[in-house]
């Protein structure tokens, strides 16, 4: 193909990709609406029937058999139960986010605590989590880890997470305690060199970025700093585009250094950051994290 043909094909591909994405979004929105209405119909019929327990069990089985015969897969008893729960959890249809798929909502509906479910819903939308990543964040108790990151929990924190998800107002907001690196596949009691830990994290950098949270970009490893003609190295350097701040990570497989030594390291790393990579557009803030 000549240059003109390639240009035409590229433009046509963009049009088709955009069209497919729009169709997929519309189909998803219609599917969520349909499932919400199916749930509404079931709940309304249950509420109008006095023998509710017997009615519910038998009716769901009959519905599953009838709908599956005519419309195919997607109408198992368990899926119809999810539709009913979907309506019960989101009785105001406008609160349903069309940015999430039905598979996302099936995972969310497995959470009984309303504040906890709301947090994961908001954060899935904000962070663009896949269903797989949503499952992981739930299984590794992200909500609970954030609640206890400052050593205590209170109603205000729960309400804020439920209403807004994770908000980054200052560097401390992005820190979780603890972080979970189960994706490395390292046995808990196995001794490990810091260099091996760094290598393992780099190899799984995409999953590491997801665990760190929104807005992180990987800069590099073993970034050299020089102080009084002595070279030292920062284990891992990241940039958070939301906070517009560099994040320097010190990897430790033993107990963290005493606070006085950590403060010295922070000063050294801060000097390196300001002199080597920080620009006038970046705020004068920096976060040091120890793992």
C-alpha atoms as a PDB file:
ATOM      1  CA  UNK A   1       0.000   0.000   0.000  1.00  0.00           C
ATOM      2  CA  UNK A   2       1.156   3.530  -0.717  1.00  0.00           C
ATOM      3  CA  UNK A   3       1.184   6.327   1.828  1.00  0.00           C
ATOM      4  CA  UNK A   4      -2.257   7.643   0.843  1.00  0.00           C
ATOM      5  CA  UNK A   5      -3.872   4.196   1.148  1.00  0.00           C
ATOM      6  CA  UNK A   6      -2.288   3.642   4.577  1.00  0.00           C
ATOM      7  CA  UNK A   7      -3.629   7.010   5.742  1.00  0.00           C
ATOM      8  CA  UNK A   8      -7.158   6.172   4.536  1.00  0.00           C
ATOM      9  CA  UNK A   9      -7.078   2.718   6.185  1.00  0.00           C
ATOM     10  CA  UNK A  10      -5.861   4.258   9.460  1.00  0.00           C
ATOM     11  CA  UNK A  11      -8.736   6.754   9.514  1.00  0.00           C
ATOM     12  CA  UNK A  12     -11.285   4.035   8.695  1.00  0.00           C
ATOM     13  CA  UNK A  13      -9.903   1.835  11.495  1.00  0.00           C
ATOM     14  CA  UNK A  14     -10.294   4.680  13.976  1.00  0.00           C
ATOM     15  CA  UNK A  15     -13.919   5.176  12.874  1.00  0.00           C
ATOM     16  CA  UNK A  16     -14.676   1.461  13.238  1.00  0.00           C
ATOM     17  CA  UNK A  17     -12.951   1.172  16.637  1.00  0.00           C
ATOM     18  CA  UNK A  18     -14.895   4.183  17.904  1.00  0.00           C
ATOM     19  CA  UNK A  19     -18.156   2.766  16.556  1.00  0.00           C
ATOM     20  CA  UNK A  20     -17.535  -0.592  18.212  1.00  0.00           C
ATOM     21  CA  UNK A  21     -16.758   1.069  21.540  1.00  0.00           C
ATOM     22  CA  UNK A  22     -19.932   3.154  21.331  1.00  0.00           C
ATOM     23  CA  UNK A  23     -22.015   0.078  20.498  1.00  0.00           C
ATOM     24  CA  UNK A  24     -20.446  -1.880  23.368  1.00  0.00           C
ATOM     25  CA  UNK A  25     -21.224   0.949  25.809  1.00  0.00           C
ATOM     26  CA  UNK A  26     -24.810   1.192  24.568  1.00  0.00           C
ATOM     27  CA  UNK A  27     -25.307  -2.581  24.775  1.00  0.00           C
ATOM     28  CA  UNK A  28     -23.914  -2.576  28.314  1.00  0.00           C
ATOM     29  CA  UNK A  29     -26.244   0.247  29.355  1.00  0.00           C
ATOM     30  CA  UNK A  30     -29.277  -1.539  27.888  1.00  0.00           C
ATOM     31  CA  UNK A  31     -28.263  -4.824  29.518  1.00  0.00           C
ATOM     32  CA  UNK A  32     -27.982  -3.196  32.948  1.00  0.00           C
ATOM     33  CA  UNK A  33     -31.378  -1.541  32.453  1.00  0.00           C
ATOM     34  CA  UNK A  34     -32.950  -4.854  31.434  1.00  0.00           C
ATOM     35  CA  UNK A  35     -31.486  -6.722  34.417  1.00  0.00           C
ATOM     36  CA  UNK A  36     -32.573  -3.934  36.791  1.00  0.00           C
ATOM     37  CA  UNK A  37     -36.123  -4.144  35.458  1.00  0.00           C
ATOM     38  CA  UNK A  38     -36.162  -7.942  35.694  1.00  0.00           C
ATOM     39  CA  UNK A  39     -35.115  -7.602  39.322  1.00  0.00           C
ATOM     40  CA  UNK A  40     -37.850  -4.999  39.893  1.00  0.00           C
ATOM     41  CA  UNK A  41     -40.536  -7.251  38.417  1.00  0.00           C
ATOM     42  CA  UNK A  42     -39.463 -10.209  40.564  1.00  0.00           C
ATOM     43  CA  UNK A  43     -39.339  -8.154  43.776  1.00  0.00           C
ATOM     44  CA  UNK A  44     -42.736  -6.551  43.125  1.00  0.00           C
ATOM     45  CA  UNK A  45     -44.337  -9.954  42.509  1.00  0.00           C
ATOM     46  CA  UNK A  46     -42.717 -11.380  45.631  1.00  0.00           C
ATOM     47  CA  UNK A  47     -43.969  -8.518  47.763  1.00  0.00           C
ATOM     48  CA  UNK A  48     -47.532  -9.037  46.553  1.00  0.00           C
ATOM     49  CA  UNK A  49     -47.513 -12.770  47.338  1.00  0.00           C
ATOM     50  CA  UNK A  50     -48.236 -13.924  50.881  1.00  0.00           C
ATOM     51  CA  UNK A  51     -46.385 -17.253  50.638  1.00  0.00           C
ATOM     52  CA  UNK A  52     -43.221 -15.417  49.722  1.00  0.00           C
ATOM     53  CA  UNK A  53     -40.605 -18.081  50.547  1.00  0.00           C
ATOM     54  CA  UNK A  54     -42.209 -20.906  48.599  1.00  0.00           C
ATOM     55  CA  UNK A  55     -43.197 -18.546  45.810  1.00  0.00           C
ATOM     56  CA  UNK A  56     -39.675 -17.188  45.470  1.00  0.00           C
ATOM     57  CA  UNK A  57     -37.862 -20.521  45.304  1.00  0.00           C
ATOM     58  CA  UNK A  58     -40.173 -22.166  42.804  1.00  0.00           C
ATOM     59  CA  UNK A  59     -40.695 -19.056  40.687  1.00  0.00           C
ATOM     60  CA  UNK A  60     -36.967 -18.479  40.197  1.00  0.00           C
ATOM     61  CA  UNK A  61     -36.544 -22.050  39.008  1.00  0.00           C
ATOM     62  CA  UNK A  62     -39.458 -21.723  36.600  1.00  0.00           C
ATOM     63  CA  UNK A  63     -38.188 -18.363  35.362  1.00  0.00           C
ATOM     64  CA  UNK A  64     -34.704 -19.744  34.811  1.00  0.00           C
ATOM     65  CA  UNK A  65     -35.991 -22.683  32.796  1.00  0.00           C
ATOM     66  CA  UNK A  66     -38.371 -20.602  30.668  1.00  0.00           C
ATOM     67  CA  UNK A  67     -36.030 -17.686  29.963  1.00  0.00           C
ATOM     68  CA  UNK A  68     -33.027 -19.925  29.234  1.00  0.00           C
ATOM     69  CA  UNK A  69     -35.086 -21.935  26.722  1.00  0.00           C
ATOM     70  CA  UNK A  70     -36.086 -18.791  24.822  1.00  0.00           C
ATOM     71  CA  UNK A  71     -33.120 -16.426  25.298  1.00  0.00           C
ATOM     72  CA  UNK A  72     -30.191 -18.772  25.918  1.00  0.00           C
ATOM     73  CA  UNK A  73     -27.437 -18.394  28.511  1.00  0.00           C
ATOM     74  CA  UNK A  74     -27.451 -15.770  31.247  1.00  0.00           C
ATOM     75  CA  UNK A  75     -30.595 -16.828  33.064  1.00  0.00           C
ATOM     76  CA  UNK A  76     -29.404 -19.357  35.605  1.00  0.00           C
ATOM     77  CA  UNK A  77     -31.102 -19.295  38.996  1.00  0.00           C
ATOM     78  CA  UNK A  78     -28.020 -17.657  40.537  1.00  0.00           C
ATOM     79  CA  UNK A  79     -27.925 -14.932  37.865  1.00  0.00           C
ATOM     80  CA  UNK A  80     -31.625 -14.198  38.327  1.00  0.00           C
ATOM     81  CA  UNK A  81     -30.994 -13.945  42.073  1.00  0.00           C
ATOM     82  CA  UNK A  82     -28.310 -11.364  41.278  1.00  0.00           C
ATOM     83  CA  UNK A  83     -30.845  -9.400  39.224  1.00  0.00           C
ATOM     84  CA  UNK A  84     -33.230  -9.360  42.164  1.00  0.00           C
ATOM     85  CA  UNK A  85     -30.448  -8.261  44.502  1.00  0.00           C
ATOM     86  CA  UNK A  86     -29.360  -5.681  41.903  1.00  0.00           C
ATOM     87  CA  UNK A  87     -32.749  -3.969  42.097  1.00  0.00           C
ATOM     88  CA  UNK A  88     -32.889  -4.248  45.882  1.00  0.00           C
ATOM     89  CA  UNK A  89     -29.454  -2.611  46.222  1.00  0.00           C
ATOM     90  CA  UNK A  90     -30.077   0.103  43.587  1.00  0.00           C
ATOM     91  CA  UNK A  91     -33.790   0.876  43.776  1.00  0.00           C
ATOM     92  CA  UNK A  92     -33.112   4.264  42.171  1.00  0.00           C
ATOM     93  CA  UNK A  93     -32.045   3.265  38.665  1.00  0.00           C
ATOM     94  CA  UNK A  94     -30.066   6.474  38.106  1.00  0.00           C
ATOM     95  CA  UNK A  95     -27.570   5.380  40.774  1.00  0.00           C
ATOM     96  CA  UNK A  96     -26.423   2.518  38.533  1.00  0.00           C
ATOM     97  CA  UNK A  97     -23.177   3.376  36.729  1.00  0.00           C
ATOM     98  CA  UNK A  98     -23.152   2.393  33.056  1.00  0.00           C
ATOM     99  CA  UNK A  99     -19.343   2.567  33.209  1.00  0.00           C
ATOM    100  CA  UNK A 100     -19.417  -0.799  34.959  1.00  0.00           C
ATOM    101  CA  UNK A 101     -20.376  -4.131  33.435  1.00  0.00           C
ATOM    102  CA  UNK A 102     -22.818  -6.681  34.776  1.00  0.00           C
ATOM    103  CA  UNK A 103     -19.822  -8.802  35.839  1.00  0.00           C
ATOM    104  CA  UNK A 104     -18.581  -5.864  37.930  1.00  0.00           C
ATOM    105  CA  UNK A 105     -21.961  -5.579  39.626  1.00  0.00           C
ATOM    106  CA  UNK A 106     -22.107  -9.322  40.347  1.00  0.00           C
ATOM    107  CA  UNK A 107     -18.838  -8.926  42.281  1.00  0.00           C
ATOM    108  CA  UNK A 108     -20.086  -5.813  44.067  1.00  0.00           C
ATOM    109  CA  UNK A 109     -23.370  -7.448  45.035  1.00  0.00           C
ATOM    110  CA  UNK A 110     -21.444 -10.107  46.935  1.00  0.00           C
ATOM    111  CA  UNK A 111     -20.580  -7.355  49.472  1.00  0.00           C
ATOM    112  CA  UNK A 112     -23.314  -6.950  52.075  1.00  0.00           C
ATOM    113  CA  UNK A 113     -21.937  -3.807  53.761  1.00  0.00           C
ATOM    114  CA  UNK A 114     -23.367  -0.808  51.876  1.00  0.00           C
ATOM    115  CA  UNK A 115     -20.478   1.591  52.609  1.00  0.00           C
ATOM    116  CA  UNK A 116     -17.895  -0.985  51.615  1.00  0.00           C
ATOM    117  CA  UNK A 117     -19.749  -1.842  48.399  1.00  0.00           C
ATOM    118  CA  UNK A 118     -20.117   1.854  47.548  1.00  0.00           C
ATOM    119  CA  UNK A 119     -16.375   2.392  48.026  1.00  0.00           C
ATOM    120  CA  UNK A 120     -15.424  -0.434  45.651  1.00  0.00           C
ATOM    121  CA  UNK A 121     -17.970   0.792  43.111  1.00  0.00           C
ATOM    122  CA  UNK A 122     -16.595   4.356  43.177  1.00  0.00           C
ATOM    123  CA  UNK A 123     -12.986   3.191  43.027  1.00  0.00           C
ATOM    124  CA  UNK A 124     -13.680   0.764  40.164  1.00  0.00           C
ATOM    125  CA  UNK A 125     -15.084   3.664  38.142  1.00  0.00           C
ATOM    126  CA  UNK A 126     -12.322   6.099  39.169  1.00  0.00           C
ATOM    127  CA  UNK A 127      -9.453   3.672  38.571  1.00  0.00           C
ATOM    128  CA  UNK A 128     -10.904   1.794  35.603  1.00  0.00           C
ATOM    129  CA  UNK A 129     -10.480  -1.597  37.288  1.00  0.00           C
ATOM    130  CA  UNK A 130     -11.190  -4.728  35.321  1.00  0.00           C
ATOM    131  CA  UNK A 131     -13.378  -7.367  36.970  1.00  0.00           C
ATOM    132  CA  UNK A 132     -10.218  -9.318  37.785  1.00  0.00           C
ATOM    133  CA  UNK A 133      -8.611  -6.333  39.517  1.00  0.00           C
ATOM    134  CA  UNK A 134     -11.824  -5.587  41.421  1.00  0.00           C
ATOM    135  CA  UNK A 135     -11.815  -9.189  42.700  1.00  0.00           C
ATOM    136  CA  UNK A 136      -8.223  -8.819  43.792  1.00  0.00           C
ATOM    137  CA  UNK A 137      -8.799  -5.556  45.640  1.00  0.00           C
ATOM    138  CA  UNK A 138     -11.770  -7.068  47.476  1.00  0.00           C
ATOM    139  CA  UNK A 139      -9.885 -10.262  48.372  1.00  0.00           C
ATOM    140  CA  UNK A 140      -6.901  -8.261  49.674  1.00  0.00           C
ATOM    141  CA  UNK A 141      -9.200  -6.043  51.812  1.00  0.00           C
ATOM    142  CA  UNK A 142      -8.284  -2.669  50.293  1.00  0.00           C
ATOM    143  CA  UNK A 143     -11.197  -0.961  52.067  1.00  0.00           C
ATOM    144  CA  UNK A 144     -10.092  -2.185  55.496  1.00  0.00           C
ATOM    145  CA  UNK A 145      -6.443  -1.374  54.814  1.00  0.00           C
ATOM    146  CA  UNK A 146      -7.306   2.214  53.934  1.00  0.00           C
ATOM    147  CA  UNK A 147      -9.477   2.582  57.015  1.00  0.00           C
ATOM    148  CA  UNK A 148      -6.615   1.512  59.243  1.00  0.00           C
ATOM    149  CA  UNK A 149      -3.781   3.273  57.409  1.00  0.00           C
ATOM    150  CA  UNK A 150      -3.667   6.020  60.034  1.00  0.00           C
ATOM    151  CA  UNK A 151      -3.940   3.531  62.887  1.00  0.00           C
ATOM    152  CA  UNK A 152      -7.620   4.152  63.629  1.00  0.00           C
ATOM    153  CA  UNK A 153     -11.003   4.169  61.986  1.00  0.00           C
ATOM    154  CA  UNK A 154     -14.027   6.416  62.401  1.00  0.00           C
ATOM    155  CA  UNK A 155     -17.422   7.129  60.853  1.00  0.00           C
ATOM    156  CA  UNK A 156     -16.137  10.142  58.916  1.00  0.00           C
ATOM    157  CA  UNK A 157     -13.467   8.044  57.188  1.00  0.00           C
ATOM    158  CA  UNK A 158     -15.967   5.318  56.303  1.00  0.00           C
ATOM    159  CA  UNK A 159     -18.428   7.882  54.916  1.00  0.00           C
ATOM    160  CA  UNK A 160     -15.754   9.654  52.862  1.00  0.00           C
ATOM    161  CA  UNK A 161     -14.484   6.419  51.292  1.00  0.00           C
ATOM    162  CA  UNK A 162     -18.033   5.280  50.548  1.00  0.00           C
ATOM    163  CA  UNK A 163     -19.025   8.572  48.893  1.00  0.00           C
ATOM    164  CA  UNK A 164     -15.851   9.478  47.017  1.00  0.00           C
ATOM    165  CA  UNK A 165     -13.471   6.519  46.926  1.00  0.00           C
ATOM    166  CA  UNK A 166      -9.806   7.370  47.439  1.00  0.00           C
ATOM    167  CA  UNK A 167      -9.134  11.115  47.372  1.00  0.00           C
ATOM    168  CA  UNK A 168      -5.603  12.488  46.996  1.00  0.00           C
ATOM    169  CA  UNK A 169      -5.335  15.821  48.798  1.00  0.00           C
ATOM    170  CA  UNK A 170      -1.789  15.282  50.080  1.00  0.00           C
ATOM    171  CA  UNK A 171       0.931  12.600  49.796  1.00  0.00           C
ATOM    172  CA  UNK A 172      -0.192  10.808  52.956  1.00  0.00           C
ATOM    173  CA  UNK A 173      -3.544   9.997  51.309  1.00  0.00           C
ATOM    174  CA  UNK A 174      -1.941   7.580  48.859  1.00  0.00           C
ATOM    175  CA  UNK A 175      -0.344   5.373  51.517  1.00  0.00           C
ATOM    176  CA  UNK A 176      -1.933   2.050  52.405  1.00  0.00           C
ATOM    177  CA  UNK A 177      -0.971  -0.011  55.416  1.00  0.00           C
ATOM    178  CA  UNK A 178      -0.151  -2.714  54.652  1.00  0.00           C
ATOM    179  CA  UNK A 179       0.543  -3.163  50.953  1.00  0.00           C
ATOM    180  CA  UNK A 180      -0.185  -6.624  49.573  1.00  0.00           C
ATOM    181  CA  UNK A 181       2.208  -8.188  47.046  1.00  0.00           C
ATOM    182  CA  UNK A 182       0.711 -11.666  46.772  1.00  0.00           C
ATOM    183  CA  UNK A 183       1.114 -11.444  42.977  1.00  0.00           C
ATOM    184  CA  UNK A 184       4.879 -11.965  43.429  1.00  0.00           C
ATOM    185  CA  UNK A 185       4.261 -15.530  44.582  1.00  0.00           C
ATOM    186  CA  UNK A 186       6.871 -15.288  47.342  1.00  0.00           C
ATOM    187  CA  UNK A 187       6.428 -17.600  50.362  1.00  0.00           C
ATOM    188  CA  UNK A 188       5.842 -15.525  53.513  1.00  0.00           C
ATOM    189  CA  UNK A 189       8.611 -17.114  55.578  1.00  0.00           C
ATOM    190  CA  UNK A 190      11.218 -17.290  52.832  1.00  0.00           C
ATOM    191  CA  UNK A 191      14.240 -14.980  53.366  1.00  0.00           C
ATOM    192  CA  UNK A 192      14.771 -12.625  50.435  1.00  0.00           C
ATOM    193  CA  UNK A 193      17.436 -10.184  49.359  1.00  0.00           C
ATOM    194  CA  UNK A 194      16.324  -6.608  48.744  1.00  0.00           C
ATOM    195  CA  UNK A 195      17.747  -6.766  45.210  1.00  0.00           C
ATOM    196  CA  UNK A 196      15.628  -9.862  44.478  1.00  0.00           C
ATOM    197  CA  UNK A 197      12.529  -8.095  45.824  1.00  0.00           C
ATOM    198  CA  UNK A 198      13.227  -5.109  43.583  1.00  0.00           C
ATOM    199  CA  UNK A 199      13.698  -7.383  40.558  1.00  0.00           C
ATOM    200  CA  UNK A 200      10.446  -9.213  41.298  1.00  0.00           C
ATOM    201  CA  UNK A 201       8.512  -5.937  41.595  1.00  0.00           C
ATOM    202  CA  UNK A 202       9.927  -4.625  38.307  1.00  0.00           C
ATOM    203  CA  UNK A 203       8.964  -7.862  36.533  1.00  0.00           C
ATOM    204  CA  UNK A 204       5.419  -7.395  37.834  1.00  0.00           C
ATOM    205  CA  UNK A 205       5.439  -3.606  37.410  1.00  0.00           C
ATOM    206  CA  UNK A 206       1.886  -3.406  36.021  1.00  0.00           C
ATOM    207  CA  UNK A 207       0.437  -5.206  39.057  1.00  0.00           C
ATOM    208  CA  UNK A 208       2.687  -3.182  41.371  1.00  0.00           C
ATOM    209  CA  UNK A 209       1.313   0.056  39.890  1.00  0.00           C
ATOM    210  CA  UNK A 210      -2.238  -1.182  40.444  1.00  0.00           C
ATOM    211  CA  UNK A 211      -1.452  -1.932  44.083  1.00  0.00           C
ATOM    212  CA  UNK A 212       0.135   1.494  44.576  1.00  0.00           C
ATOM    213  CA  UNK A 213      -3.065   3.143  43.356  1.00  0.00           C
ATOM    214  CA  UNK A 214      -4.215   5.801  40.901  1.00  0.00           C
ATOM    215  CA  UNK A 215      -1.904   8.181  39.091  1.00  0.00           C
ATOM    216  CA  UNK A 216       1.422   6.365  39.510  1.00  0.00           C
ATOM    217  CA  UNK A 217       4.014   6.234  36.723  1.00  0.00           C
ATOM    218  CA  UNK A 218       7.242   4.254  36.937  1.00  0.00           C
ATOM    219  CA  UNK A 219      10.438   6.322  36.545  1.00  0.00           C
ATOM    220  CA  UNK A 220      13.173   3.775  37.220  1.00  0.00           C
ATOM    221  CA  UNK A 221      15.258   1.789  39.674  1.00  0.00           C
ATOM    222  CA  UNK A 222      18.592   2.438  41.353  1.00  0.00           C
ATOM    223  CA  UNK A 223      18.551   6.159  40.585  1.00  0.00           C
ATOM    224  CA  UNK A 224      21.900   7.555  41.652  1.00  0.00           C
ATOM    225  CA  UNK A 225      22.202  10.409  44.125  1.00  0.00           C
ATOM    226  CA  UNK A 226      25.460  12.088  45.030  1.00  0.00           C
ATOM    227  CA  UNK A 227      26.170  13.844  48.303  1.00  0.00           C
ATOM    228  CA  UNK A 228      29.662  15.041  49.247  1.00  0.00           C
ATOM    229  CA  UNK A 229      31.110  13.011  46.358  1.00  0.00           C
ATOM    230  CA  UNK A 230      29.557   9.809  47.733  1.00  0.00           C
ATOM    231  CA  UNK A 231      27.189   7.913  45.429  1.00  0.00           C
ATOM    232  CA  UNK A 232      24.065   6.270  46.776  1.00  0.00           C
ATOM    233  CA  UNK A 233      21.069   4.781  44.995  1.00  0.00           C
ATOM    234  CA  UNK A 234      17.293   5.098  45.386  1.00  0.00           C
ATOM    235  CA  UNK A 235      15.687   1.649  45.025  1.00  0.00           C
ATOM    236  CA  UNK A 236      12.613   2.700  43.032  1.00  0.00           C
ATOM    237  CA  UNK A 237      11.312   6.071  41.819  1.00  0.00           C
ATOM    238  CA  UNK A 238       7.725   6.808  40.776  1.00  0.00           C
ATOM    239  CA  UNK A 239       5.813   9.938  39.837  1.00  0.00           C
ATOM    240  CA  UNK A 240       2.204  10.542  40.858  1.00  0.00           C
ATOM    241  CA  UNK A 241       0.483  12.728  38.270  1.00  0.00           C
ATOM    242  CA  UNK A 242      -2.482  13.496  40.556  1.00  0.00           C
ATOM    243  CA  UNK A 243      -0.306  14.912  43.333  1.00  0.00           C
ATOM    244  CA  UNK A 244       2.411  16.055  40.906  1.00  0.00           C
ATOM    245  CA  UNK A 245       4.955  14.600  43.307  1.00  0.00           C
ATOM    246  CA  UNK A 246       7.829  12.140  43.094  1.00  0.00           C
ATOM    247  CA  UNK A 247       7.633   9.034  45.255  1.00  0.00           C
ATOM    248  CA  UNK A 248      10.909   7.429  46.292  1.00  0.00           C
ATOM    249  CA  UNK A 249      10.739   3.877  47.596  1.00  0.00           C
ATOM    250  CA  UNK A 250      13.292   2.229  49.863  1.00  0.00           C
ATOM    251  CA  UNK A 251      12.974  -1.556  49.873  1.00  0.00           C
ATOM    252  CA  UNK A 252      13.790  -3.253  53.161  1.00  0.00           C
ATOM    253  CA  UNK A 253      13.482  -6.972  53.873  1.00  0.00           C
ATOM    254  CA  UNK A 254      14.451  -6.375  57.494  1.00  0.00           C
ATOM    255  CA  UNK A 255      13.062  -4.025  60.152  1.00  0.00           C
ATOM    256  CA  UNK A 256      12.938  -0.403  58.981  1.00  0.00           C
ATOM    257  CA  UNK A 257      15.733   1.950  59.958  1.00  0.00           C
ATOM    258  CA  UNK A 258      15.458   4.168  62.986  1.00  0.00           C
ATOM    259  CA  UNK A 259      13.601   7.399  62.408  1.00  0.00           C
ATOM    260  CA  UNK A 260      16.717   9.547  62.647  1.00  0.00           C
ATOM    261  CA  UNK A 261      18.370   7.592  59.811  1.00  0.00           C
ATOM    262  CA  UNK A 262      15.186   7.694  57.752  1.00  0.00           C
ATOM    263  CA  UNK A 263      15.051  11.454  58.154  1.00  0.00           C
ATOM    264  CA  UNK A 264      18.629  11.687  56.871  1.00  0.00           C
ATOM    265  CA  UNK A 265      17.749   9.536  53.877  1.00  0.00           C
ATOM    266  CA  UNK A 266      14.711  11.712  53.183  1.00  0.00           C
ATOM    267  CA  UNK A 267      16.850  14.826  53.151  1.00  0.00           C
ATOM    268  CA  UNK A 268      19.380  13.249  50.794  1.00  0.00           C
ATOM    269  CA  UNK A 269      16.725  11.921  48.447  1.00  0.00           C
ATOM    270  CA  UNK A 270      14.861  15.227  48.557  1.00  0.00           C
ATOM    271  CA  UNK A 271      18.014  17.081  47.493  1.00  0.00           C
ATOM    272  CA  UNK A 272      18.516  14.613  44.647  1.00  0.00           C
ATOM    273  CA  UNK A 273      14.937  14.986  43.498  1.00  0.00           C
ATOM    274  CA  UNK A 274      15.010  18.788  43.491  1.00  0.00           C
ATOM    275  CA  UNK A 275      18.382  18.977  41.763  1.00  0.00           C
ATOM    276  CA  UNK A 276      17.924  16.167  39.250  1.00  0.00           C
ATOM    277  CA  UNK A 277      14.302  15.678  38.209  1.00  0.00           C
ATOM    278  CA  UNK A 278      11.926  18.187  39.780  1.00  0.00           C
ATOM    279  CA  UNK A 279      10.754  21.020  37.548  1.00  0.00           C
ATOM    280  CA  UNK A 280       9.258  24.395  38.324  1.00  0.00           C
ATOM    281  CA  UNK A 281       5.809  23.000  37.506  1.00  0.00           C
ATOM    282  CA  UNK A 282       6.063  20.368  40.234  1.00  0.00           C
ATOM    283  CA  UNK A 283       5.017  21.252  43.771  1.00  0.00           C
ATOM    284  CA  UNK A 284       7.759  21.190  46.368  1.00  0.00           C
ATOM    285  CA  UNK A 285       6.615  17.953  47.940  1.00  0.00           C
ATOM    286  CA  UNK A 286       8.068  14.488  48.045  1.00  0.00           C
ATOM    287  CA  UNK A 287       7.124  11.194  49.599  1.00  0.00           C
ATOM    288  CA  UNK A 288       9.460   8.528  50.933  1.00  0.00           C
ATOM    289  CA  UNK A 289       7.996   5.070  51.373  1.00  0.00           C
ATOM    290  CA  UNK A 290       9.656   2.099  52.991  1.00  0.00           C
ATOM    291  CA  UNK A 291       8.732  -1.492  52.150  1.00  0.00           C
END
